[in-house]
Amino acid sequence: METIICSKCGKEIEIEVLQGDYSTFVCESCQEEINRPAYINELEELSLIEDKTESQLKRIEFLNSKIG
C-alpha cells in the first residue's frame, strides 16, 4: 500500500500501487467542493427548460444530490 496526500486539505489516502505523479492529487471531498459552482450553474440552466426530457430530469436529480 502507498499513501498519497490531497494537495488541498492534506488528507492521506491509501492506494494499492503508486503509479504516476500525484503531486496535484485532490481527494473526492475537495473535488466535489471544486465542482459545486459548475453543478449550480448547470442546474440553473436546466431549470429554464420547460419540457424536460427524462434524461434531463435524472440529471437534475443527480445535481440536487451533489449540491445537497
Protein backbone atom coordinates (compact mmCIF):
# COMPACT_ATOMS: atom_id res chain seq x y z
CA MET A 1 0.00 0.00 0.00
CA GLU A 2 1.11 3.52 -0.79
CA THR A 3 -0.06 6.83 0.66
CA ILE A 4 -0.92 9.91 -1.39
CA ILE A 5 -1.86 13.28 0.08
CA CYS A 6 -4.58 15.68 -1.09
CA SER A 7 -2.99 18.91 -2.25
CA LYS A 8 -6.00 20.91 -0.97
CA CYS A 9 -6.75 19.56 2.51
CA GLY A 10 -3.78 17.30 3.30
CA LYS A 11 -5.91 14.17 3.77
CA GLU A 12 -3.93 10.95 3.34
CA ILE A 13 -5.37 8.29 1.01
CA GLU A 14 -4.13 4.70 0.80
CA ILE A 15 -3.83 3.21 -2.70
CA GLU A 16 -2.66 -0.18 -3.95
CA VAL A 17 0.27 0.85 -6.14
CA LEU A 18 1.72 4.28 -6.71
CA GLN A 19 1.75 4.95 -10.46
CA GLY A 20 2.47 8.36 -11.88
CA ASP A 21 2.72 11.82 -10.38
CA TYR A 22 0.32 12.52 -7.50
CA SER A 23 1.73 15.95 -6.61
CA THR A 24 -1.54 17.64 -7.64
CA PHE A 25 -3.87 14.91 -6.28
CA VAL A 26 -7.21 16.20 -4.93
CA CYS A 27 -9.39 13.92 -2.77
CA GLU A 28 -13.02 13.24 -3.63
CA SER A 29 -14.38 15.63 -0.98
CA CYS A 30 -12.27 18.53 -2.20
CA GLN A 31 -13.08 17.73 -5.85
CA GLU A 32 -16.82 17.83 -5.09
CA GLU A 33 -16.37 21.25 -3.48
CA ILE A 34 -14.46 22.44 -6.56
CA ASN A 35 -17.28 21.14 -8.81
CA ARG A 36 -20.09 22.74 -6.77
CA PRO A 37 -20.29 26.05 -8.73
CA ALA A 38 -20.48 24.12 -12.02
CA TYR A 39 -23.25 21.92 -10.61
CA ILE A 40 -25.20 25.01 -9.54
CA ASN A 41 -24.79 26.67 -12.95
CA GLU A 42 -25.90 23.55 -14.81
CA LEU A 43 -28.92 23.18 -12.52
CA GLU A 44 -29.92 26.79 -13.21
CA GLU A 45 -29.63 26.20 -16.98
CA LEU A 46 -31.71 23.03 -16.79
CA SER A 47 -34.38 24.77 -14.73
CA LEU A 48 -35.01 27.17 -17.63
CA ILE A 49 -36.07 24.32 -19.93
CA GLU A 50 -39.86 23.92 -19.89
CA ASP A 51 -40.38 20.44 -21.37
CA LYS A 52 -37.58 18.44 -19.80
CA THR A 53 -36.64 15.00 -21.10
CA GLU A 54 -36.34 12.04 -18.77
CA SER A 55 -32.56 12.32 -19.06
CA GLN A 56 -32.66 15.98 -18.02
CA LEU A 57 -34.91 15.15 -15.06
CA LYS A 58 -32.43 12.47 -13.93
CA ARG A 59 -29.57 14.95 -14.32
CA ILE A 60 -31.47 17.48 -12.18
CA GLU A 61 -31.97 14.81 -9.51
CA PHE A 62 -28.23 14.00 -9.62
CA LEU A 63 -27.22 17.67 -9.40
CA ASN A 64 -29.56 18.26 -6.46
CA SER A 65 -27.98 15.31 -4.63
CA LYS A 66 -24.49 16.71 -5.29
CA ILE A 67 -25.41 20.22 -4.17
CA GLY A 68 -27.17 18.84 -1.11
